[in-house]
All heavy atoms as atom14 arrays in JSON, in Angstrom:
{
  "sequence": "DYLEKLSPSVREKIRLHDHHGLFASFHLQGLHLNRRHPLPPAG",
  "atom14_mask": [
    [1, 1, 1, 1, 1, 1, 1, 1, 0, 0, 0, 0, 0, 0],
    [1, 1, 1, 1, 1, 1, 1, 1, 1, 1, 1, 1, 0, 0],
    [1, 1, 1, 1, 1, 1, 1, 1, 0, 0, 0, 0, 0, 0],
    [1, 1, 1, 1, 1, 1, 1, 1, 1, 0, 0, 0, 0, 0],
    [1, 1, 1, 1, 1, 1, 1, 1, 1, 0, 0, 0, 0, 0],
    [1, 1, 1, 1, 1, 1, 1, 1, 0, 0, 0, 0, 0, 0],
    [1, 1, 1, 1, 1, 1, 0, 0, 0, 0, 0, 0, 0, 0],
    [1, 1, 1, 1, 1, 1, 1, 0, 0, 0, 0, 0, 0, 0],
    [1, 1, 1, 1, 1, 1, 0, 0, 0, 0, 0, 0, 0, 0],
    [1, 1, 1, 1, 1, 1, 1, 0, 0, 0, 0, 0, 0, 0],
    [1, 1, 1, 1, 1, 1, 1, 1, 1, 1, 1, 0, 0, 0],
    [1, 1, 1, 1, 1, 1, 1, 1, 1, 0, 0, 0, 0, 0],
    [1, 1, 1, 1, 1, 1, 1, 1, 1, 0, 0, 0, 0, 0],
    [1, 1, 1, 1, 1, 1, 1, 1, 0, 0, 0, 0, 0, 0],
    [1, 1, 1, 1, 1, 1, 1, 1, 1, 1, 1, 0, 0, 0],
    [1, 1, 1, 1, 1, 1, 1, 1, 0, 0, 0, 0, 0, 0],
    [1, 1, 1, 1, 1, 1, 1, 1, 1, 1, 0, 0, 0, 0],
    [1, 1, 1, 1, 1, 1, 1, 1, 0, 0, 0, 0, 0, 0],
    [1, 1, 1, 1, 1, 1, 1, 1, 1, 1, 0, 0, 0, 0],
    [1, 1, 1, 1, 1, 1, 1, 1, 1, 1, 0, 0, 0, 0],
    [1, 1, 1, 1, 0, 0, 0, 0, 0, 0, 0, 0, 0, 0],
    [1, 1, 1, 1, 1, 1, 1, 1, 0, 0, 0, 0, 0, 0],
    [1, 1, 1, 1, 1, 1, 1, 1, 1, 1, 1, 0, 0, 0],
    [1, 1, 1, 1, 1, 0, 0, 0, 0, 0, 0, 0, 0, 0],
    [1, 1, 1, 1, 1, 1, 0, 0, 0, 0, 0, 0, 0, 0],
    [1, 1, 1, 1, 1, 1, 1, 1, 1, 1, 1, 0, 0, 0],
    [1, 1, 1, 1, 1, 1, 1, 1, 1, 1, 0, 0, 0, 0],
    [1, 1, 1, 1, 1, 1, 1, 1, 0, 0, 0, 0, 0, 0],
    [1, 1, 1, 1, 1, 1, 1, 1, 1, 0, 0, 0, 0, 0],
    [1, 1, 1, 1, 0, 0, 0, 0, 0, 0, 0, 0, 0, 0],
    [1, 1, 1, 1, 1, 1, 1, 1, 0, 0, 0, 0, 0, 0],
    [1, 1, 1, 1, 1, 1, 1, 1, 1, 1, 0, 0, 0, 0],
    [1, 1, 1, 1, 1, 1, 1, 1, 0, 0, 0, 0, 0, 0],
    [1, 1, 1, 1, 1, 1, 1, 1, 0, 0, 0, 0, 0, 0],
    [1, 1, 1, 1, 1, 1, 1, 1, 1, 1, 1, 0, 0, 0],
    [1, 1, 1, 1, 1, 1, 1, 1, 1, 1, 1, 0, 0, 0],
    [1, 1, 1, 1, 1, 1, 1, 1, 1, 1, 0, 0, 0, 0],
    [1, 1, 1, 1, 1, 1, 1, 0, 0, 0, 0, 0, 0, 0],
    [1, 1, 1, 1, 1, 1, 1, 1, 0, 0, 0, 0, 0, 0],
    [1, 1, 1, 1, 1, 1, 1, 0, 0, 0, 0, 0, 0, 0],
    [1, 1, 1, 1, 1, 1, 1, 0, 0, 0, 0, 0, 0, 0],
    [1, 1, 1, 1, 1, 0, 0, 0, 0, 0, 0, 0, 0, 0],
    [1, 1, 1, 1, 0, 0, 0, 0, 0, 0, 0, 0, 0, 0]
  ],
  "atom14_positions": [
    [[75.35, 7.01, -23.08], [74.4, 7.67, -23.97], [75.06, 8.8, -24.75], [74.79, 9.01, -25.94], [73.22, 8.22, -23.17], [72.35, 7.12, -22.57], [72.45, 5.97, -23.02], [71.56, 7.44, -21.66], [0.0, 0.0, 0.0], [0.0, 0.0, 0.0], [0.0, 0.0, 0.0], [0.0, 0.0, 0.0], [0.0, 0.0, 0.0], [0.0, 0.0, 0.0]],
    [[75.94, 9.52, -24.08], [76.64, 10.63, -24.73], [77.57, 10.12, -25.83], [77.59, 10.64, -26.95], [77.42, 11.41, -23.69], [78.04, 12.69, -24.2], [77.34, 13.88, -24.17], [79.34, 12.72, -24.71], [77.91, 15.07, -24.63], [79.91, 13.88, -25.17], [79.18, 15.06, -25.13], [79.74, 16.23, -25.59], [0.0, 0.0, 0.0], [0.0, 0.0, 0.0]],
    [[78.33, 9.09, -25.52], [79.26, 8.53, -26.5], [78.53, 8.0, -27.73], [79.04, 8.09, -28.86], [80.1, 7.42, -25.87], [81.19, 7.88, -24.91], [81.72, 6.7, -24.1], [82.32, 8.56, -25.66], [0.0, 0.0, 0.0], [0.0, 0.0, 0.0], [0.0, 0.0, 0.0], [0.0, 0.0, 0.0], [0.0, 0.0, 0.0], [0.0, 0.0, 0.0]],
    [[77.34, 7.46, -27.52], [76.58, 6.94, -28.64], [76.11, 8.03, -29.6], [75.82, 7.78, -30.76], [75.39, 6.13, -28.13], [75.8, 4.81, -27.49], [74.64, 4.04, -26.89], [73.55, 4.65, -26.73], [74.83, 2.85, -26.57], [0.0, 0.0, 0.0], [0.0, 0.0, 0.0], [0.0, 0.0, 0.0], [0.0, 0.0, 0.0], [0.0, 0.0, 0.0]],
    [[76.06, 9.28, -29.09], [75.66, 10.41, -29.95], [76.8, 10.86, -30.86], [76.56, 11.55, -31.86], [75.23, 11.6, -29.08], [73.99, 11.39, -28.24], [73.73, 12.63, -27.39], [72.53, 12.44, -26.49], [72.32, 13.64, -25.62], [0.0, 0.0, 0.0], [0.0, 0.0, 0.0], [0.0, 0.0, 0.0], [0.0, 0.0, 0.0], [0.0, 0.0, 0.0]],
    [[78.02, 10.51, -30.5], [79.17, 11.02, -31.23], [79.5, 10.13, -32.43], [79.36, 8.91, -32.38], [80.38, 11.08, -30.3], [80.22, 11.93, -29.04], [81.48, 11.84, -28.18], [79.91, 13.38, -29.39], [0.0, 0.0, 0.0], [0.0, 0.0, 0.0], [0.0, 0.0, 0.0], [0.0, 0.0, 0.0], [0.0, 0.0, 0.0], [0.0, 0.0, 0.0]],
    [[79.98, 10.75, -33.48], [80.36, 9.99, -34.67], [81.67, 9.26, -34.43], [82.44, 9.61, -33.52], [80.52, 10.94, -35.86], [81.68, 11.74, -35.68], [0.0, 0.0, 0.0], [0.0, 0.0, 0.0], [0.0, 0.0, 0.0], [0.0, 0.0, 0.0], [0.0, 0.0, 0.0], [0.0, 0.0, 0.0], [0.0, 0.0, 0.0], [0.0, 0.0, 0.0]],
    [[81.97, 8.24, -35.23], [83.25, 7.53, -35.09], [84.46, 8.44, -35.2], [85.47, 8.21, -34.53], [83.21, 6.51, -36.23], [81.75, 6.25, -36.43], [81.09, 7.59, -36.22], [0.0, 0.0, 0.0], [0.0, 0.0, 0.0], [0.0, 0.0, 0.0], [0.0, 0.0, 0.0], [0.0, 0.0, 0.0], [0.0, 0.0, 0.0], [0.0, 0.0, 0.0]],
    [[84.38, 9.49, -36.01], [85.52, 10.39, -36.18], [85.81, 11.19, -34.92], [86.96, 11.57, -34.67], [85.26, 11.35, -37.35], [84.14, 12.18, -37.11], [0.0, 0.0, 0.0], [0.0, 0.0, 0.0], [0.0, 0.0, 0.0], [0.0, 0.0, 0.0], [0.0, 0.0, 0.0], [0.0, 0.0, 0.0], [0.0, 0.0, 0.0], [0.0, 0.0, 0.0]],
    [[84.79, 11.43, -34.11], [84.99, 12.09, -32.82], [85.5, 11.08, -31.79], [86.46, 11.34, -31.07], [83.7, 12.76, -32.31], [83.93, 13.4, -30.94], [83.23, 13.81, -33.29], [0.0, 0.0, 0.0], [0.0, 0.0, 0.0], [0.0, 0.0, 0.0], [0.0, 0.0, 0.0], [0.0, 0.0, 0.0], [0.0, 0.0, 0.0], [0.0, 0.0, 0.0]],
    [[84.86, 9.93, -31.75], [85.23, 8.92, -30.76], [86.7, 8.54, -30.86], [87.36, 8.3, -29.84], [84.38, 7.67, -30.93], [82.91, 7.83, -30.56], [82.19, 6.53, -30.82], [80.75, 6.7, -30.86], [79.91, 5.81, -31.35], [80.39, 4.67, -31.87], [78.62, 6.03, -31.35], [0.0, 0.0, 0.0], [0.0, 0.0, 0.0], [0.0, 0.0, 0.0]],
    [[87.24, 8.48, -32.06], [88.62, 8.05, -32.21], [89.64, 9.06, -31.67], [90.82, 8.76, -31.55], [88.93, 7.72, -33.66], [88.92, 8.91, -34.6], [89.13, 8.5, -36.04], [89.03, 7.29, -36.35], [89.39, 9.39, -36.87], [0.0, 0.0, 0.0], [0.0, 0.0, 0.0], [0.0, 0.0, 0.0], [0.0, 0.0, 0.0], [0.0, 0.0, 0.0]],
    [[89.15, 10.26, -31.31], [90.01, 11.25, -30.68], [89.72, 11.42, -29.18], [90.39, 12.21, -28.51], [89.85, 12.61, -31.37], [90.43, 12.65, -32.78], [90.48, 14.07, -33.33], [91.18, 14.1, -34.68], [91.32, 15.48, -35.22], [0.0, 0.0, 0.0], [0.0, 0.0, 0.0], [0.0, 0.0, 0.0], [0.0, 0.0, 0.0], [0.0, 0.0, 0.0]],
    [[88.75, 10.67, -28.66], [88.31, 10.81, -27.27], [89.2, 10.06, -26.3], [89.54, 8.9, -26.51], [86.86, 10.31, -27.12], [85.85, 11.24, -27.82], [86.49, 10.13, -25.64], [85.57, 12.52, -27.09], [0.0, 0.0, 0.0], [0.0, 0.0, 0.0], [0.0, 0.0, 0.0], [0.0, 0.0, 0.0], [0.0, 0.0, 0.0], [0.0, 0.0, 0.0]],
    [[89.53, 10.75, -25.19], [90.11, 10.09, -24.03], [89.15, 10.28, -22.87], [88.75, 11.4, -22.56], [91.49, 10.66, -23.69], [92.52, 10.36, -24.76], [93.91, 10.29, -24.24], [94.84, 10.02, -25.33], [96.07, 9.57, -25.18], [96.56, 9.34, -23.97], [96.85, 9.36, -26.22], [0.0, 0.0, 0.0], [0.0, 0.0, 0.0], [0.0, 0.0, 0.0]],
    [[88.8, 9.19, -22.23], [87.83, 9.21, -21.13], [88.5, 9.54, -19.81], [89.51, 8.94, -19.45], [87.15, 7.85, -21.0], [85.98, 7.52, -21.9], [85.47, 6.11, -21.57], [84.84, 8.52, -21.75], [0.0, 0.0, 0.0], [0.0, 0.0, 0.0], [0.0, 0.0, 0.0], [0.0, 0.0, 0.0], [0.0, 0.0, 0.0], [0.0, 0.0, 0.0]],
    [[87.9, 10.47, -19.05], [88.39, 10.78, -17.71], [87.71, 9.93, -16.65], [88.26, 9.77, -15.56], [88.15, 12.27, -17.41], [89.16, 13.18, -18.03], [89.77, 14.19, -17.33], [89.68, 13.22, -19.29], [90.63, 14.83, -18.13], [90.58, 14.27, -19.31], [0.0, 0.0, 0.0], [0.0, 0.0, 0.0], [0.0, 0.0, 0.0], [0.0, 0.0, 0.0]],
    [[86.54, 9.43, -16.93], [85.78, 8.62, -15.97], [85.11, 7.47, -16.69], [85.03, 7.46, -17.93], [84.72, 9.49, -15.27], [85.33, 10.62, -14.45], [85.82, 10.34, -13.34], [85.32, 11.76, -14.94], [0.0, 0.0, 0.0], [0.0, 0.0, 0.0], [0.0, 0.0, 0.0], [0.0, 0.0, 0.0], [0.0, 0.0, 0.0], [0.0, 0.0, 0.0]],
    [[84.62, 6.51, -15.91], [83.91, 5.35, -16.46], [84.77, 4.64, -17.51], [84.35, 4.39, -18.64], [82.55, 5.77, -17.03], [81.74, 6.58, -16.06], [81.25, 6.05, -14.88], [81.38, 7.9, -16.07], [80.61, 7.0, -14.21], [80.68, 8.12, -14.91], [0.0, 0.0, 0.0], [0.0, 0.0, 0.0], [0.0, 0.0, 0.0], [0.0, 0.0, 0.0]],
    [[85.98, 4.33, -17.09], [86.95, 3.73, -17.99], [86.5, 2.4, -18.59], [86.98, 1.99, -19.64], [88.28, 3.54, -17.26], [88.99, 4.83, -16.99], [90.09, 4.91, -16.16], [88.76, 6.09, -17.44], [90.51, 6.17, -16.11], [89.72, 6.9, -16.87], [0.0, 0.0, 0.0], [0.0, 0.0, 0.0], [0.0, 0.0, 0.0], [0.0, 0.0, 0.0]],
    [[85.57, 1.74, -17.92], [85.07, 0.47, -18.43], [84.37, 0.59, -19.77], [84.21, -0.42, -20.48], [0.0, 0.0, 0.0], [0.0, 0.0, 0.0], [0.0, 0.0, 0.0], [0.0, 0.0, 0.0], [0.0, 0.0, 0.0], [0.0, 0.0, 0.0], [0.0, 0.0, 0.0], [0.0, 0.0, 0.0], [0.0, 0.0, 0.0], [0.0, 0.0, 0.0]],
    [[83.97, 1.8, -20.14], [83.29, 1.99, -21.42], [84.26, 1.93, -22.61], [83.82, 1.85, -23.76], [82.57, 3.35, -21.44], [81.38, 3.47, -20.49], [80.84, 4.9, -20.51], [80.28, 2.49, -20.9], [0.0, 0.0, 0.0], [0.0, 0.0, 0.0], [0.0, 0.0, 0.0], [0.0, 0.0, 0.0], [0.0, 0.0, 0.0], [0.0, 0.0, 0.0]],
    [[85.54, 1.97, -22.33], [86.52, 1.96, -23.42], [86.32, 0.76, -24.34], [86.44, 0.87, -25.56], [87.95, 1.95, -22.85], [89.02, 1.94, -23.9], [89.48, 3.13, -24.45], [89.57, 0.74, -24.35], [90.46, 3.13, -25.43], [90.55, 0.73, -25.32], [91.0, 1.93, -25.86], [0.0, 0.0, 0.0], [0.0, 0.0, 0.0], [0.0, 0.0, 0.0]],
    [[86.02, -0.39, -23.74], [85.88, -1.62, -24.52], [84.67, -1.6, -25.45], [84.62, -2.38, -26.41], [85.8, -2.83, -23.57], [0.0, 0.0, 0.0], [0.0, 0.0, 0.0], [0.0, 0.0, 0.0], [0.0, 0.0, 0.0], [0.0, 0.0, 0.0], [0.0, 0.0, 0.0], [0.0, 0.0, 0.0], [0.0, 0.0, 0.0], [0.0, 0.0, 0.0]],
    [[83.71, -0.72, -25.18], [82.48, -0.67, -25.98], [82.54, 0.32, -27.14], [81.66, 0.32, -28.0], [81.28, -0.32, -25.08], [81.13, -1.26, -24.04], [0.0, 0.0, 0.0], [0.0, 0.0, 0.0], [0.0, 0.0, 0.0], [0.0, 0.0, 0.0], [0.0, 0.0, 0.0], [0.0, 0.0, 0.0], [0.0, 0.0, 0.0], [0.0, 0.0, 0.0]],
    [[83.56, 1.16, -27.14], [83.66, 2.19, -28.17], [85.1, 2.26, -28.68], [86.05, 1.96, -27.97], [83.26, 3.56, -27.6], [81.84, 3.63, -27.12], [81.53, 3.32, -25.79], [80.81, 3.98, -27.97], [80.23, 3.38, -25.34], [79.5, 4.03, -27.52], [79.2, 3.73, -26.19], [0.0, 0.0, 0.0], [0.0, 0.0, 0.0], [0.0, 0.0, 0.0]],
    [[85.24, 2.67, -29.92], [86.57, 2.81, -30.51], [87.12, 4.18, -30.14], [87.0, 5.14, -30.9], [86.5, 2.65, -32.03], [87.83, 2.67, -32.7], [88.81, 1.74, -32.46], [88.35, 3.54, -33.61], [89.88, 2.02, -33.18], [89.63, 3.11, -33.89], [0.0, 0.0, 0.0], [0.0, 0.0, 0.0], [0.0, 0.0, 0.0], [0.0, 0.0, 0.0]],
    [[87.73, 4.27, -28.96], [88.21, 5.54, -28.44], [89.74, 5.61, -28.54], [90.41, 4.6, -28.73], [87.79, 5.7, -26.97], [86.3, 5.54, -26.67], [86.05, 5.69, -25.17], [85.47, 6.53, -27.47], [0.0, 0.0, 0.0], [0.0, 0.0, 0.0], [0.0, 0.0, 0.0], [0.0, 0.0, 0.0], [0.0, 0.0, 0.0], [0.0, 0.0, 0.0]],
    [[90.27, 6.83, -28.37], [91.72, 7.0, -28.44], [92.43, 6.43, -27.22], [93.5, 5.84, -27.34], [92.07, 8.48, -28.59], [93.55, 8.76, -28.79], [93.85, 10.24, -28.81], [94.2, 10.82, -27.79], [93.67, 10.87, -29.97], [0.0, 0.0, 0.0], [0.0, 0.0, 0.0], [0.0, 0.0, 0.0], [0.0, 0.0, 0.0], [0.0, 0.0, 0.0]],
    [[91.85, 6.63, -26.03], [92.52, 6.15, -24.84], [91.82, 6.58, -23.56], [90.68, 7.05, -23.57], [0.0, 0.0, 0.0], [0.0, 0.0, 0.0], [0.0, 0.0, 0.0], [0.0, 0.0, 0.0], [0.0, 0.0, 0.0], [0.0, 0.0, 0.0], [0.0, 0.0, 0.0], [0.0, 0.0, 0.0], [0.0, 0.0, 0.0], [0.0, 0.0, 0.0]],
    [[92.53, 6.43, -22.44], [92.01, 6.76, -21.11], [92.9, 7.8, -20.45], [94.1, 7.88, -20.73], [91.95, 5.51, -20.22], [91.07, 4.36, -20.7], [91.13, 3.21, -19.7], [89.63, 4.81, -20.92], [0.0, 0.0, 0.0], [0.0, 0.0, 0.0], [0.0, 0.0, 0.0], [0.0, 0.0, 0.0], [0.0, 0.0, 0.0], [0.0, 0.0, 0.0]],
    [[92.29, 8.58, -19.56], [93.02, 9.61, -18.83], [92.96, 9.31, -17.34], [91.89, 9.03, -16.79], [92.41, 10.99, -19.11], [93.2, 12.12, -18.52], [94.34, 12.61, -19.1], [93.02, 12.84, -17.38], [94.83, 13.6, -18.37], [94.04, 13.76, -17.31], [0.0, 0.0, 0.0], [0.0, 0.0, 0.0], [0.0, 0.0, 0.0], [0.0, 0.0, 0.0]],
    [[94.11, 9.38, -16.68], [94.2, 9.12, -15.25], [94.16, 10.44, -14.49], [94.69, 11.45, -14.94], [95.49, 8.38, -14.93], [95.74, 7.08, -15.7], [97.08, 6.46, -15.3], [94.6, 6.08, -15.48], [0.0, 0.0, 0.0], [0.0, 0.0, 0.0], [0.0, 0.0, 0.0], [0.0, 0.0, 0.0], [0.0, 0.0, 0.0], [0.0, 0.0, 0.0]],
    [[93.52, 10.39, -13.32], [93.39, 11.59, -12.49], [93.26, 11.17, -11.03], [93.45, 9.99, -10.7], [92.19, 12.43, -12.96], [90.93, 11.58, -13.12], [90.59, 10.79, -12.24], [90.25, 11.74, -14.24], [0.0, 0.0, 0.0], [0.0, 0.0, 0.0], [0.0, 0.0, 0.0], [0.0, 0.0, 0.0], [0.0, 0.0, 0.0], [0.0, 0.0, 0.0]],
    [[92.91, 12.1, -10.17], [92.8, 11.77, -8.75], [91.66, 10.79, -8.48], [91.72, 10.01, -7.53], [92.61, 13.05, -7.94], [93.86, 13.93, -7.9], [93.61, 15.24, -7.2], [94.82, 16.07, -7.16], [94.86, 17.32, -6.74], [93.74, 17.89, -6.31], [95.98, 18.0, -6.76], [0.0, 0.0, 0.0], [0.0, 0.0, 0.0], [0.0, 0.0, 0.0]],
    [[90.62, 10.84, -9.27], [89.5, 9.91, -9.09], [89.88, 8.51, -9.57], [89.4, 7.51, -9.04], [88.28, 10.41, -9.87], [87.7, 11.72, -9.37], [86.43, 12.12, -10.1], [86.61, 12.25, -11.54], [87.12, 13.34, -12.13], [87.53, 14.36, -11.4], [87.24, 13.4, -13.44], [0.0, 0.0, 0.0], [0.0, 0.0, 0.0], [0.0, 0.0, 0.0]],
    [[90.72, 8.46, -10.59], [91.12, 7.19, -11.2], [92.63, 7.22, -11.44], [93.09, 7.46, -12.56], [90.38, 6.96, -12.51], [88.89, 7.11, -12.4], [88.1, 6.17, -11.78], [88.05, 8.11, -12.79], [86.83, 6.57, -11.81], [86.78, 7.75, -12.4], [0.0, 0.0, 0.0], [0.0, 0.0, 0.0], [0.0, 0.0, 0.0], [0.0, 0.0, 0.0]],
    [[93.42, 6.98, -10.4], [94.87, 7.1, -10.53], [95.54, 5.96, -11.29], [96.69, 6.1, -11.72], [95.35, 7.13, -9.07], [94.29, 6.37, -8.33], [93.0, 6.7, -9.02], [0.0, 0.0, 0.0], [0.0, 0.0, 0.0], [0.0, 0.0, 0.0], [0.0, 0.0, 0.0], [0.0, 0.0, 0.0], [0.0, 0.0, 0.0], [0.0, 0.0, 0.0]],
    [[94.82, 4.85, -11.48], [95.4, 3.69, -12.15], [94.48, 3.23, -13.28], [93.26, 3.35, -13.18], [95.6, 2.54, -11.16], [96.57, 2.8, -10.01], [96.54, 1.63, -9.03], [97.99, 3.03, -10.53], [0.0, 0.0, 0.0], [0.0, 0.0, 0.0], [0.0, 0.0, 0.0], [0.0, 0.0, 0.0], [0.0, 0.0, 0.0], [0.0, 0.0, 0.0]],
    [[95.04, 2.66, -14.34], [94.2, 2.14, -15.42], [93.5, 0.85, -14.99], [93.95, 0.18, -14.05], [95.22, 1.87, -16.54], [96.5, 1.61, -15.82], [96.48, 2.51, -14.62], [0.0, 0.0, 0.0], [0.0, 0.0, 0.0], [0.0, 0.0, 0.0], [0.0, 0.0, 0.0], [0.0, 0.0, 0.0], [0.0, 0.0, 0.0], [0.0, 0.0, 0.0]],
    [[92.43, 0.49, -15.67], [91.75, -0.76, -15.33], [92.67, -1.96, -15.55], [93.57, -1.92, -16.4], [90.57, -0.79, -16.33], [90.42, 0.61, -16.8], [91.77, 1.22, -16.77], [0.0, 0.0, 0.0], [0.0, 0.0, 0.0], [0.0, 0.0, 0.0], [0.0, 0.0, 0.0], [0.0, 0.0, 0.0], [0.0, 0.0, 0.0], [0.0, 0.0, 0.0]],
    [[92.44, -2.99, -14.8], [93.25, -4.21, -14.94], [93.17, -4.74, -16.36], [92.09, -4.85, -16.94], [92.76, -5.27, -13.96], [0.0, 0.0, 0.0], [0.0, 0.0, 0.0], [0.0, 0.0, 0.0], [0.0, 0.0, 0.0], [0.0, 0.0, 0.0], [0.0, 0.0, 0.0], [0.0, 0.0, 0.0], [0.0, 0.0, 0.0], [0.0, 0.0, 0.0]],
    [[94.31, -5.02, -16.94], [94.35, -5.58, -18.29], [94.34, -4.56, -19.41], [94.5, -4.93, -20.57], [0.0, 0.0, 0.0], [0.0, 0.0, 0.0], [0.0, 0.0, 0.0], [0.0, 0.0, 0.0], [0.0, 0.0, 0.0], [0.0, 0.0, 0.0], [0.0, 0.0, 0.0], [0.0, 0.0, 0.0], [0.0, 0.0, 0.0], [0.0, 0.0, 0.0]]
  ]
}
């Protein structure tokens, strides 16, 4: 819901720290790995 509020110009600079599966639904810059998510999603 939060990502849907953001304009494309913001989304293209976004890196997600959680809920990495949402990357495929939005045109985002990338993903961020941390202790909660030490590895990227398969593929």
